[in-house]
Amino acid sequence: MTDPTTLLTMSGAALIGLCVLAWAALSGWRGWLELERMKFERRGGAPVEPAASPSPAARIELADLKERVRKLEAIAAGVDL
């Protein structure tokens, strides 16, 4: 395994493999960016604006969920309520 030809062949194959992986990753990244650009253009290029005011039912549900999260965090921390 200390033969210079073998070492050169193995290192060349590893370098070629690394280049192929880098090319595939770059190609995937470019494809993902193109997909995101198409999504952005499809929705008009304008940022999505949040609703003006949530309904009272949504506020109650949000408050209930926050209370549940607070209780779960207290249980995880070992605090008795």
C-alpha atoms as a PDB file:
ATOM      1  CA  MET A   1       0.000   0.000   0.000  1.00  0.00           C
ATOM      2  CA  THR A   2       3.049   2.257   0.113  1.00  0.00           C
ATOM      3  CA  ASP A   3       3.563   2.040  -3.630  1.00  0.00           C
ATOM      4  CA  PRO A   4       3.626   5.609  -5.041  1.00  0.00           C
ATOM      5  CA  THR A   5       1.449   4.636  -7.993  1.00  0.00           C
ATOM      6  CA  THR A   6      -1.229   3.226  -5.698  1.00  0.00           C
ATOM      7  CA  LEU A   7      -1.160   6.289  -3.466  1.00  0.00           C
ATOM      8  CA  LEU A   8      -1.384   8.610  -6.465  1.00  0.00           C
ATOM      9  CA  THR A   9      -4.280   6.616  -7.925  1.00  0.00           C
ATOM     10  CA  MET A  10      -6.182   6.566  -4.632  1.00  0.00           C
ATOM     11  CA  SER A  11      -5.698  10.270  -4.001  1.00  0.00           C
ATOM     12  CA  GLY A  12      -6.718  11.102  -7.586  1.00  0.00           C
ATOM     13  CA  ALA A  13      -9.866   8.998  -7.269  1.00  0.00           C
ATOM     14  CA  ALA A  14     -10.694  10.672  -3.943  1.00  0.00           C
ATOM     15  CA  LEU A  15     -10.207  14.108  -5.488  1.00  0.00           C
ATOM     16  CA  ILE A  16     -12.424  13.265  -8.452  1.00  0.00           C
ATOM     17  CA  GLY A  17     -15.079  11.892  -6.075  1.00  0.00           C
ATOM     18  CA  LEU A  18     -14.950  15.058  -4.004  1.00  0.00           C
ATOM     19  CA  CYS A  19     -15.355  17.184  -7.129  1.00  0.00           C
ATOM     20  CA  VAL A  20     -18.379  15.137  -8.230  1.00  0.00           C
ATOM     21  CA  LEU A  21     -20.001  15.541  -4.805  1.00  0.00           C
ATOM     22  CA  ALA A  22     -19.339  19.284  -4.791  1.00  0.00           C
ATOM     23  CA  TRP A  23     -20.803  19.616  -8.290  1.00  0.00           C
ATOM     24  CA  ALA A  24     -23.931  17.675  -7.281  1.00  0.00           C
ATOM     25  CA  ALA A  25     -24.393  19.782  -4.150  1.00  0.00           C
ATOM     26  CA  LEU A  26     -23.973  23.008  -6.123  1.00  0.00           C
ATOM     27  CA  SER A  27     -26.438  21.815  -8.743  1.00  0.00           C
ATOM     28  CA  GLY A  28     -28.985  20.987  -6.036  1.00  0.00           C
ATOM     29  CA  TRP A  29     -28.464  24.371  -4.387  1.00  0.00           C
ATOM     30  CA  ARG A  30     -29.029  26.191  -7.674  1.00  0.00           C
ATOM     31  CA  GLY A  31     -32.181  24.161  -8.297  1.00  0.00           C
ATOM     32  CA  TRP A  32     -33.512  24.990  -4.839  1.00  0.00           C
ATOM     33  CA  LEU A  33     -32.795  28.693  -5.365  1.00  0.00           C
ATOM     34  CA  GLU A  34     -34.597  28.589  -8.712  1.00  0.00           C
ATOM     35  CA  LEU A  35     -37.594  26.908  -7.055  1.00  0.00           C
ATOM     36  CA  GLU A  36     -37.722  29.587  -4.347  1.00  0.00           C
ATOM     37  CA  ARG A  37     -37.439  32.323  -6.988  1.00  0.00           C
ATOM     38  CA  MET A  38     -40.366  30.825  -8.891  1.00  0.00           C
ATOM     39  CA  LYS A  39     -42.445  30.654  -5.690  1.00  0.00           C
ATOM     40  CA  PHE A  40     -41.625  34.282  -4.948  1.00  0.00           C
ATOM     41  CA  GLU A  41     -42.593  35.408  -8.438  1.00  0.00           C
ATOM     42  CA  ARG A  42     -45.811  33.378  -8.356  1.00  0.00           C
ATOM     43  CA  ARG A  43     -47.079  35.118  -5.247  1.00  0.00           C
ATOM     44  CA  GLY A  44     -46.433  38.503  -6.828  1.00  0.00           C
ATOM     45  CA  GLY A  45     -43.104  39.427  -5.319  1.00  0.00           C
ATOM     46  CA  ALA A  46     -44.767  41.326  -2.501  1.00  0.00           C
ATOM     47  CA  PRO A  47     -44.364  40.270   1.106  1.00  0.00           C
ATOM     48  CA  VAL A  48     -47.378  38.595   2.616  1.00  0.00           C
ATOM     49  CA  GLU A  49     -49.083  40.946   5.044  1.00  0.00           C
ATOM     50  CA  PRO A  50     -50.439  39.548   8.310  1.00  0.00           C
ATOM     51  CA  ALA A  51     -54.114  39.877   9.151  1.00  0.00           C
ATOM     52  CA  ALA A  52     -55.090  43.243  10.654  1.00  0.00           C
ATOM     53  CA  SER A  53     -56.531  41.869  13.873  1.00  0.00           C
ATOM     54  CA  PRO A  54     -56.977  38.279  15.033  1.00  0.00           C
ATOM     55  CA  SER A  55     -60.453  37.203  16.039  1.00  0.00           C
ATOM     56  CA  PRO A  56     -61.298  36.875  19.744  1.00  0.00           C
ATOM     57  CA  ALA A  57     -61.504  33.087  19.384  1.00  0.00           C
ATOM     58  CA  ALA A  58     -57.981  33.018  17.932  1.00  0.00           C
ATOM     59  CA  ARG A  59     -56.701  35.154  20.799  1.00  0.00           C
ATOM     60  CA  ILE A  60     -58.262  32.823  23.364  1.00  0.00           C
ATOM     61  CA  GLU A  61     -56.796  29.771  21.641  1.00  0.00           C
ATOM     62  CA  LEU A  62     -53.362  31.413  21.490  1.00  0.00           C
ATOM     63  CA  ALA A  63     -53.517  32.306  25.186  1.00  0.00           C
ATOM     64  CA  ASP A  64     -54.533  28.713  25.983  1.00  0.00           C
ATOM     65  CA  LEU A  65     -51.607  27.350  23.988  1.00  0.00           C
ATOM     66  CA  LYS A  66     -49.191  29.721  25.719  1.00  0.00           C
ATOM     67  CA  GLU A  67     -50.487  28.564  29.100  1.00  0.00           C
ATOM     68  CA  ARG A  68     -50.024  24.915  28.116  1.00  0.00           C
ATOM     69  CA  VAL A  69     -46.465  25.602  26.974  1.00  0.00           C
ATOM     70  CA  ARG A  70     -45.731  27.400  30.243  1.00  0.00           C
ATOM     71  CA  LYS A  71     -47.030  24.420  32.228  1.00  0.00           C
ATOM     72  CA  LEU A  72     -45.037  21.945  30.149  1.00  0.00           C
ATOM     73  CA  GLU A  73     -41.876  24.000  30.622  1.00  0.00           C
ATOM     74  CA  ALA A  74     -42.508  24.065  34.366  1.00  0.00           C
ATOM     75  CA  ILE A  75     -42.955  20.288  34.406  1.00  0.00           C
ATOM     76  CA  ALA A  76     -39.756  19.839  32.395  1.00  0.00           C
ATOM     77  CA  ALA A  77     -37.895  22.076  34.844  1.00  0.00           C
ATOM     78  CA  GLY A  78     -39.245  20.079  37.779  1.00  0.00           C
ATOM     79  CA  VAL A  79     -41.266  22.937  39.290  1.00  0.00           C
ATOM     80  CA  ASP A  80     -44.558  22.099  41.011  1.00  0.00           C
ATOM     81  CA  LEU A  81     -47.418  24.388  40.087  1.00  0.00           C
END
